[in-house]
N, C-alpha and C. Protein backbone atom coordinates (compact mmCIF):
# COMPACT_ATOMS: atom_id res chain seq x y z
N MET A 1 0.58 -1.01 -0.03
CA MET A 1 -0.14 -0.18 0.19
C MET A 1 0.95 1.25 -0.02
N LYS A 2 0.11 2.03 -0.80
CA LYS A 2 0.97 3.64 -0.57
C LYS A 2 0.02 4.68 -0.85
N VAL A 3 0.24 5.89 0.06
CA VAL A 3 -0.83 6.82 -0.02
C VAL A 3 0.25 8.02 -0.74
N VAL A 4 -0.56 8.69 -1.85
CA VAL A 4 0.27 9.89 -2.44
C VAL A 4 -0.55 11.20 -2.37
N ALA A 5 0.10 12.31 -2.49
CA ALA A 5 -0.90 13.63 -2.37
C ALA A 5 -0.20 13.96 -3.46
N VAL A 6 -1.08 14.86 -4.51
CA VAL A 6 -0.63 15.07 -6.07
C VAL A 6 -1.78 15.92 -6.48
N ALA A 7 -1.05 17.11 -7.29
CA ALA A 7 -1.93 18.14 -7.77
C ALA A 7 -2.71 17.46 -8.93
N PHE A 8 -3.81 17.88 -9.57
CA PHE A 8 -4.38 17.20 -10.69
C PHE A 8 -3.25 17.12 -12.12
N GLY A 9 -2.41 17.96 -12.50
CA GLY A 9 -1.79 17.71 -13.67
C GLY A 9 -0.57 16.65 -13.03
N GLN A 10 -0.45 16.32 -12.10
CA GLN A 10 0.37 14.95 -11.86
C GLN A 10 -0.31 13.78 -11.82
N LEU A 11 -1.32 13.74 -12.24
CA LEU A 11 -2.41 12.79 -12.37
C LEU A 11 -2.54 12.40 -13.61
N ASP A 12 -2.07 10.85 -13.83
CA ASP A 12 -2.41 10.52 -15.53
C ASP A 12 -3.78 10.41 -15.94
N PRO A 13 -4.15 10.03 -16.98
CA PRO A 13 -5.30 9.70 -17.41
C PRO A 13 -6.23 8.46 -16.53
N TYR A 14 -5.28 7.66 -16.62
CA TYR A 14 -5.74 6.35 -15.91
C TYR A 14 -6.11 6.92 -14.41
N ALA A 15 -5.33 7.64 -13.72
CA ALA A 15 -5.82 7.86 -12.34
C ALA A 15 -7.02 8.97 -12.26
N VAL A 16 -7.14 9.80 -13.13
CA VAL A 16 -8.18 10.56 -13.14
C VAL A 16 -9.63 9.95 -13.17
N TYR A 17 -9.54 8.64 -14.22
CA TYR A 17 -10.53 7.86 -14.57
C TYR A 17 -10.79 7.51 -13.02
N GLY A 18 -9.84 6.76 -12.53
CA GLY A 18 -9.88 5.77 -11.31
C GLY A 18 -10.41 6.90 -10.42
N VAL A 19 -10.17 7.77 -10.07
CA VAL A 19 -10.72 9.00 -9.13
C VAL A 19 -12.30 9.40 -9.36
N CYS A 20 -12.39 9.62 -10.61
CA CYS A 20 -13.85 9.67 -11.01
C CYS A 20 -14.70 8.78 -10.83
N LYS A 21 -14.20 7.56 -11.26
CA LYS A 21 -15.00 6.47 -11.37
C LYS A 21 -15.54 5.91 -9.54
N LEU A 22 -14.38 5.94 -8.80
CA LEU A 22 -14.63 5.80 -7.54
C LEU A 22 -15.23 6.57 -6.69
N ARG A 23 -15.34 8.01 -7.04
CA ARG A 23 -16.33 8.79 -6.07
C ARG A 23 -17.69 8.95 -6.73
N GLN A 24 -17.71 8.65 -8.03
CA GLN A 24 -19.13 8.08 -8.75
C GLN A 24 -19.79 6.91 -8.31
N ASP A 25 -19.14 5.85 -7.93
CA ASP A 25 -19.48 4.55 -7.18
C ASP A 25 -19.83 4.74 -5.96
N VAL A 26 -19.12 5.02 -5.05
CA VAL A 26 -19.70 5.77 -3.76
C VAL A 26 -20.53 6.64 -3.59
N PHE A 27 -20.33 8.09 -4.06
CA PHE A 27 -21.07 8.92 -3.54
C PHE A 27 -22.47 8.92 -4.28
N VAL A 28 -22.32 8.67 -5.91
CA VAL A 28 -23.55 8.96 -6.51
C VAL A 28 -24.37 7.63 -6.71
N VAL A 29 -23.50 6.46 -6.86
CA VAL A 29 -24.47 4.90 -6.89
C VAL A 29 -24.70 4.68 -5.18
N GLU A 30 -23.53 4.35 -4.95
CA GLU A 30 -23.98 3.80 -3.45
C GLU A 30 -24.72 4.69 -2.52
N GLN A 31 -24.44 6.00 -2.30
CA GLN A 31 -24.97 6.86 -1.36
C GLN A 31 -26.37 7.30 -1.91
N ARG A 32 -26.26 7.21 -3.13
CA ARG A 32 -27.40 7.52 -4.14
C ARG A 32 -27.91 9.11 -3.87
N CYS A 33 -26.96 9.82 -4.15
CA CYS A 33 -26.66 11.13 -4.05
C CYS A 33 -26.52 12.00 -5.38
N PRO A 34 -27.09 12.18 -6.63
CA PRO A 34 -26.53 12.69 -7.53
C PRO A 34 -26.36 14.37 -7.44
N TYR A 35 -25.11 14.40 -7.52
CA TYR A 35 -24.68 15.77 -7.26
C TYR A 35 -23.62 16.29 -8.25
N PRO A 36 -23.51 17.52 -8.57
CA PRO A 36 -22.09 17.73 -9.42
C PRO A 36 -20.67 17.43 -8.90
N ASP A 37 -20.60 16.20 -8.79
CA ASP A 37 -19.13 15.95 -8.63
C ASP A 37 -18.03 16.83 -9.33
N LEU A 38 -18.06 17.01 -10.39
CA LEU A 38 -16.94 17.59 -11.25
C LEU A 38 -17.34 19.11 -11.12
N ASP A 39 -16.65 19.70 -10.02
CA ASP A 39 -17.10 21.22 -9.68
C ASP A 39 -15.97 22.21 -9.71
N ALA A 40 -15.05 21.79 -10.67
CA ALA A 40 -14.32 22.88 -10.90
C ALA A 40 -12.94 23.04 -10.08
N ARG A 41 -13.01 22.23 -8.54
CA ARG A 41 -12.18 22.32 -7.61
C ARG A 41 -11.11 21.41 -8.04
N ASP A 42 -11.23 20.53 -8.47
CA ASP A 42 -10.34 19.21 -8.40
C ASP A 42 -8.79 20.06 -9.34
N VAL A 43 -9.14 20.76 -10.41
CA VAL A 43 -8.14 21.62 -11.14
C VAL A 43 -7.40 22.46 -10.73
N GLU A 44 -8.02 23.31 -9.53
CA GLU A 44 -7.39 24.37 -8.79
C GLU A 44 -5.72 24.31 -8.53
N PRO A 45 -4.93 25.19 -8.62
CA PRO A 45 -3.30 24.83 -8.26
C PRO A 45 -3.08 24.41 -7.02
N GLU A 46 -3.97 24.71 -6.09
CA GLU A 46 -3.56 24.36 -4.70
C GLU A 46 -4.09 23.10 -4.36
N THR A 47 -5.14 22.64 -4.81
CA THR A 47 -5.75 21.45 -4.51
C THR A 47 -4.63 20.00 -4.78
N ARG A 48 -5.09 19.29 -3.70
CA ARG A 48 -4.26 18.05 -3.67
C ARG A 48 -5.16 16.75 -3.44
N HIS A 49 -4.65 15.83 -4.52
CA HIS A 49 -5.44 14.47 -4.66
C HIS A 49 -4.63 13.47 -3.87
N VAL A 50 -5.42 13.14 -2.55
CA VAL A 50 -4.82 11.97 -2.03
C VAL A 50 -5.43 10.56 -2.24
N LEU A 51 -4.20 9.97 -2.79
CA LEU A 51 -4.86 8.34 -3.42
C LEU A 51 -4.20 7.26 -2.50
N LEU A 52 -5.06 6.51 -2.00
CA LEU A 52 -4.22 5.06 -1.59
C LEU A 52 -4.31 4.18 -2.65
N LEU A 53 -3.35 3.57 -2.85
CA LEU A 53 -3.22 2.73 -4.00
C LEU A 53 -2.51 1.26 -3.58
N HIS A 54 -3.05 0.09 -3.96
CA HIS A 54 -2.57 -1.08 -3.76
C HIS A 54 -2.25 -1.45 -5.02
N ASP A 55 -1.02 -1.88 -5.56
CA ASP A 55 -0.75 -1.81 -7.16
C ASP A 55 -1.13 -0.97 -7.82
N ASP A 56 -2.08 -1.04 -8.90
CA ASP A 56 -2.31 -0.23 -9.60
C ASP A 56 -3.91 0.06 -9.08
N ALA A 57 -4.64 -0.45 -8.10
CA ALA A 57 -6.02 -0.22 -7.66
C ALA A 57 -6.02 0.82 -6.73
N LEU A 58 -7.03 1.71 -7.05
CA LEU A 58 -7.05 2.83 -6.28
C LEU A 58 -8.04 2.43 -4.91
N LEU A 59 -7.62 2.31 -3.73
CA LEU A 59 -8.69 2.00 -2.78
C LEU A 59 -9.28 3.03 -1.82
N GLY A 60 -8.65 4.32 -1.98
CA GLY A 60 -9.34 5.46 -1.15
C GLY A 60 -8.76 6.59 -1.57
N TYR A 61 -9.54 7.89 -1.10
CA TYR A 61 -9.15 8.83 -1.71
C TYR A 61 -9.58 10.15 -0.81
N ALA A 62 -9.08 11.22 -1.01
CA ALA A 62 -9.66 12.62 -0.08
C ALA A 62 -9.07 13.58 -1.15
N ARG A 63 -9.62 14.64 -1.00
CA ARG A 63 -9.58 15.80 -1.71
C ARG A 63 -9.17 17.05 -0.81
N VAL A 64 -8.02 17.95 -1.02
CA VAL A 64 -7.74 18.97 -0.09
C VAL A 64 -7.80 20.06 -0.96
N VAL A 65 -8.58 21.36 -0.46
CA VAL A 65 -8.87 22.39 -1.32
C VAL A 65 -8.21 23.78 -0.64
N ASP A 66 -7.96 24.64 -0.99
CA ASP A 66 -7.90 25.91 -0.47
C ASP A 66 -9.02 26.76 -0.50
N ASP A 67 -9.40 26.87 0.68
CA ASP A 67 -10.70 27.62 0.81
C ASP A 67 -10.73 28.62 1.85
N ALA A 68 -11.94 29.46 2.18
CA ALA A 68 -12.07 30.45 3.29
C ALA A 68 -13.19 30.01 3.76
N VAL A 69 -13.24 30.50 5.24
CA VAL A 69 -14.40 30.23 5.97
C VAL A 69 -14.49 31.84 6.82
N ASP A 70 -15.92 32.48 6.58
CA ASP A 70 -15.80 33.67 7.61
C ASP A 70 -14.36 34.75 6.98
N GLY A 71 -14.02 34.59 5.65
CA GLY A 71 -12.86 35.50 5.63
C GLY A 71 -11.66 35.05 5.84
N ARG A 72 -11.68 33.78 6.51
CA ARG A 72 -10.32 33.04 7.05
C ARG A 72 -9.72 32.22 6.05
N ALA A 73 -8.59 32.19 5.43
CA ALA A 73 -8.19 31.08 4.72
C ALA A 73 -7.80 29.79 5.53
N VAL A 74 -8.32 28.31 4.93
CA VAL A 74 -8.54 27.44 5.73
C VAL A 74 -7.96 26.25 4.57
N TRP A 75 -7.80 25.10 5.04
CA TRP A 75 -7.91 23.82 4.05
C TRP A 75 -9.13 23.25 4.53
N ARG A 76 -9.88 22.56 3.28
CA ARG A 76 -10.89 21.82 3.41
C ARG A 76 -10.56 20.51 2.79
N ILE A 77 -11.03 19.47 3.88
CA ILE A 77 -10.76 18.23 3.29
C ILE A 77 -12.10 17.78 2.99
N GLY A 78 -12.20 16.93 1.83
CA GLY A 78 -13.50 16.52 1.31
C GLY A 78 -13.36 15.29 0.72
N ARG A 79 -14.63 14.77 0.16
CA ARG A 79 -14.66 13.57 -0.91
C ARG A 79 -13.59 12.33 -0.15
N VAL A 80 -14.03 12.08 0.80
CA VAL A 80 -12.90 11.32 1.96
C VAL A 80 -14.10 9.82 1.50
N LEU A 81 -13.14 8.89 1.06
CA LEU A 81 -13.82 7.57 0.76
C LEU A 81 -12.97 6.34 0.68
N LEU A 82 -13.53 5.41 1.01
CA LEU A 82 -12.63 3.91 0.62
C LEU A 82 -13.63 3.35 -0.36
N ALA A 83 -13.17 2.59 -1.41
CA ALA A 83 -13.61 1.40 -1.79
C ALA A 83 -14.21 0.31 -0.79
N PRO A 84 -15.61 0.03 -1.49
CA PRO A 84 -16.33 -0.82 -0.67
C PRO A 84 -15.58 -2.23 0.06
N ASP A 85 -14.80 -2.53 -0.87
CA ASP A 85 -13.93 -3.93 -0.37
C ASP A 85 -12.67 -3.35 0.60
N ALA A 86 -12.38 -2.04 0.75
CA ALA A 86 -11.35 -1.58 1.79
C ALA A 86 -11.65 -1.04 2.70
N ARG A 87 -13.06 -1.46 2.95
CA ARG A 87 -13.53 -0.85 4.63
C ARG A 87 -13.36 -1.72 5.63
N GLY A 88 -13.30 -1.04 6.73
CA GLY A 88 -12.96 -2.08 7.90
C GLY A 88 -11.63 -2.56 8.39
N GLN A 89 -10.60 -2.01 7.70
CA GLN A 89 -9.45 -2.41 7.62
C GLN A 89 -8.63 -1.40 8.18
N GLY A 90 -9.01 -0.13 8.76
CA GLY A 90 -8.18 0.88 9.02
C GLY A 90 -7.66 1.32 8.23
N LEU A 91 -7.78 1.36 6.61
CA LEU A 91 -6.98 2.27 5.70
C LEU A 91 -7.39 3.67 5.40
N ALA A 92 -8.40 3.88 6.04
CA ALA A 92 -8.88 5.47 5.99
C ALA A 92 -8.02 6.31 6.80
N ASP A 93 -7.19 5.83 7.67
CA ASP A 93 -6.35 6.45 8.79
C ASP A 93 -5.15 7.17 7.76
N PRO A 94 -4.33 6.19 7.23
CA PRO A 94 -3.64 6.68 6.44
C PRO A 94 -4.01 7.89 5.46
N VAL A 95 -4.97 7.67 4.77
CA VAL A 95 -5.74 8.73 3.60
C VAL A 95 -5.78 10.05 4.62
N MET A 96 -6.47 9.90 5.78
CA MET A 96 -6.38 11.34 6.26
C MET A 96 -5.50 11.87 6.68
N GLU A 97 -4.02 11.22 7.20
CA GLU A 97 -3.10 11.50 7.91
C GLU A 97 -2.51 12.19 6.76
N THR A 98 -2.30 11.87 5.62
CA THR A 98 -1.57 12.41 4.30
C THR A 98 -2.60 13.83 4.21
N ALA A 99 -3.57 13.49 4.02
CA ALA A 99 -4.62 14.65 3.84
C ALA A 99 -4.00 15.85 4.56
N LEU A 100 -4.02 15.70 5.85
CA LEU A 100 -3.64 16.47 7.20
C LEU A 100 -2.10 16.91 6.55
N SER A 101 -1.35 16.42 6.29
CA SER A 101 0.05 16.54 6.14
C SER A 101 0.30 17.43 5.18
N VAL A 102 -0.25 17.63 4.13
CA VAL A 102 -0.51 18.72 3.08
C VAL A 102 -1.22 19.90 3.41
N ALA A 103 -2.15 20.09 4.48
CA ALA A 103 -2.84 21.10 4.74
C ALA A 103 -2.37 21.60 5.71
N LYS A 104 -1.07 22.36 5.51
CA LYS A 104 -0.55 23.05 6.60
C LYS A 104 -0.71 24.30 7.22
N GLU A 105 -0.59 24.72 8.31
CA GLU A 105 -0.20 26.28 8.63
C GLU A 105 -1.55 26.71 9.07
N ARG A 106 -2.53 26.31 8.86
CA ARG A 106 -3.85 26.78 8.90
C ARG A 106 -4.81 25.62 9.52
N ASP A 107 -6.03 26.39 10.06
CA ASP A 107 -7.08 25.44 10.26
C ASP A 107 -7.66 24.49 9.01
N VAL A 108 -8.12 23.52 9.16
CA VAL A 108 -8.69 22.46 8.46
C VAL A 108 -10.23 22.41 8.79
N VAL A 109 -10.97 22.42 7.74
CA VAL A 109 -12.56 22.29 7.93
C VAL A 109 -12.83 20.95 7.26
N LEU A 110 -13.97 20.35 7.50
CA LEU A 110 -14.66 19.50 6.95
C LEU A 110 -16.14 19.32 6.83
N ASP A 111 -17.06 18.62 6.48
CA ASP A 111 -18.44 18.49 6.73
C ASP A 111 -18.43 16.79 6.83
N ALA A 112 -18.24 16.48 7.98
CA ALA A 112 -18.24 15.15 8.12
C ALA A 112 -19.48 14.33 7.70
N GLN A 113 -19.74 13.09 7.51
CA GLN A 113 -21.16 12.48 7.20
C GLN A 113 -21.37 12.01 8.98
N SER A 114 -22.29 12.26 9.35
CA SER A 114 -22.64 12.46 10.96
C SER A 114 -22.09 11.04 11.71
N PRO A 115 -22.18 10.13 10.99
CA PRO A 115 -21.79 8.60 11.58
C PRO A 115 -20.43 8.34 11.67
N LEU A 116 -19.65 9.21 10.94
CA LEU A 116 -17.96 9.37 11.13
C LEU A 116 -17.47 10.39 12.07
N ALA A 117 -18.36 11.46 12.53
CA ALA A 117 -17.88 12.33 13.40
C ALA A 117 -17.11 11.99 14.31
N ARG A 118 -16.99 11.00 14.87
CA ARG A 118 -16.13 10.62 16.34
C ARG A 118 -15.00 10.07 15.70
N TRP A 119 -15.05 9.39 14.40
CA TRP A 119 -13.60 8.86 13.74
C TRP A 119 -12.67 10.02 13.66
N TYR A 120 -13.34 11.45 13.29
CA TYR A 120 -12.80 12.36 12.72
C TYR A 120 -12.11 13.12 13.98
N THR A 121 -12.71 12.89 15.22
CA THR A 121 -12.24 13.32 16.63
C THR A 121 -10.76 13.03 16.75
N THR A 122 -10.74 11.88 16.53
CA THR A 122 -9.30 11.25 16.69
C THR A 122 -8.15 11.79 15.84
N PHE A 123 -8.36 12.43 15.08
CA PHE A 123 -7.47 13.32 14.32
C PHE A 123 -7.38 14.76 14.92
N GLY A 124 -8.15 15.26 15.72
CA GLY A 124 -8.04 16.53 16.50
C GLY A 124 -9.41 17.37 16.16
N PHE A 125 -10.05 17.05 15.26
CA PHE A 125 -11.42 17.74 14.81
C PHE A 125 -12.31 17.83 15.75
N VAL A 126 -13.08 19.00 15.95
CA VAL A 126 -14.15 19.25 17.02
C VAL A 126 -15.40 19.69 15.98
N VAL A 127 -16.52 19.62 16.50
CA VAL A 127 -17.63 19.79 16.07
C VAL A 127 -17.65 21.40 15.90
N ASP A 128 -18.31 21.99 14.81
CA ASP A 128 -18.16 23.36 14.50
C ASP A 128 -19.28 24.17 14.18
N GLY A 129 -20.19 23.73 14.57
CA GLY A 129 -21.89 23.83 14.00
C GLY A 129 -22.70 22.89 13.98
N PRO A 130 -24.11 23.29 13.97
CA PRO A 130 -25.03 22.35 14.15
C PRO A 130 -25.12 21.36 12.73
N GLU A 131 -26.05 19.99 13.08
CA GLU A 131 -25.75 19.20 12.00
C GLU A 131 -26.73 19.93 10.81
N PHE A 132 -26.13 19.54 9.59
CA PHE A 132 -27.19 19.60 8.47
C PHE A 132 -27.19 18.85 7.60
N LEU A 133 -28.21 18.63 6.69
CA LEU A 133 -28.70 17.79 5.84
C LEU A 133 -28.17 18.12 4.40
N GLU A 134 -27.27 17.25 3.93
CA GLU A 134 -26.59 17.54 2.49
C GLU A 134 -27.04 16.36 1.43
N ASP A 135 -27.76 16.35 0.60
CA ASP A 135 -27.96 15.47 -0.22
C ASP A 135 -28.96 13.98 0.45
N GLY A 136 -29.72 14.48 1.52
CA GLY A 136 -30.39 13.77 2.32
C GLY A 136 -29.80 13.08 3.29
N ILE A 137 -28.06 13.21 3.99
CA ILE A 137 -27.27 12.39 4.43
C ILE A 137 -27.04 13.45 5.70
N PRO A 138 -26.99 13.29 6.96
CA PRO A 138 -26.64 14.37 7.87
C PRO A 138 -25.45 14.45 7.81
N HIS A 139 -24.62 15.95 8.09
CA HIS A 139 -23.36 15.76 8.30
C HIS A 139 -23.14 16.82 9.37
N THR A 140 -21.97 16.84 9.81
CA THR A 140 -21.45 17.52 10.98
C THR A 140 -20.24 18.54 10.46
N PRO A 141 -20.63 19.71 10.83
CA PRO A 141 -19.24 20.60 10.16
C PRO A 141 -17.97 20.45 11.50
N MET A 142 -16.87 20.14 11.32
CA MET A 142 -15.94 19.96 12.03
C MET A 142 -14.73 20.83 11.43
N ARG A 143 -13.88 21.16 12.72
CA ARG A 143 -12.78 22.06 12.18
C ARG A 143 -11.72 21.54 13.14
N LEU A 144 -10.44 21.66 12.84
CA LEU A 144 -9.39 21.34 13.12
C LEU A 144 -8.23 22.64 13.56
N SER A 145 -8.50 23.27 14.58
CA SER A 145 -7.74 24.56 14.77
C SER A 145 -6.20 24.23 14.76
N ARG A 146 -5.46 25.13 14.42
CA ARG A 146 -3.78 25.20 14.29
C ARG A 146 -3.38 26.70 14.59
């Protein structure tokens, strides 16, 4: 297993396809959330794509984007996922650890699917607002203060 964090321009076409397919399989098909996944944030210069790879297979993913909340620059981690057959093995931890390693020197925010909020607290995140529904799924805003 290896975990890498790269800019969009460093992804070859097969990696881009793998990322798009895995995000579609998990968020759109499995979780039944038809939403505009290709939101132009993937190609921004500061965005980093965190890929968990085993041989050539993409097993996990997260996206780190340069963002702002209340006028303050923050890093936003999103699109965190594992392929169904990779779940329950502790493989999400290195994905998050790598995402946090590229999100330096500022607060980090994310909108956790509420059942996973407790897991995010293991990385130092705290609840940062009321729970809300996004695409019919309860989410909890969280922040890691630096």
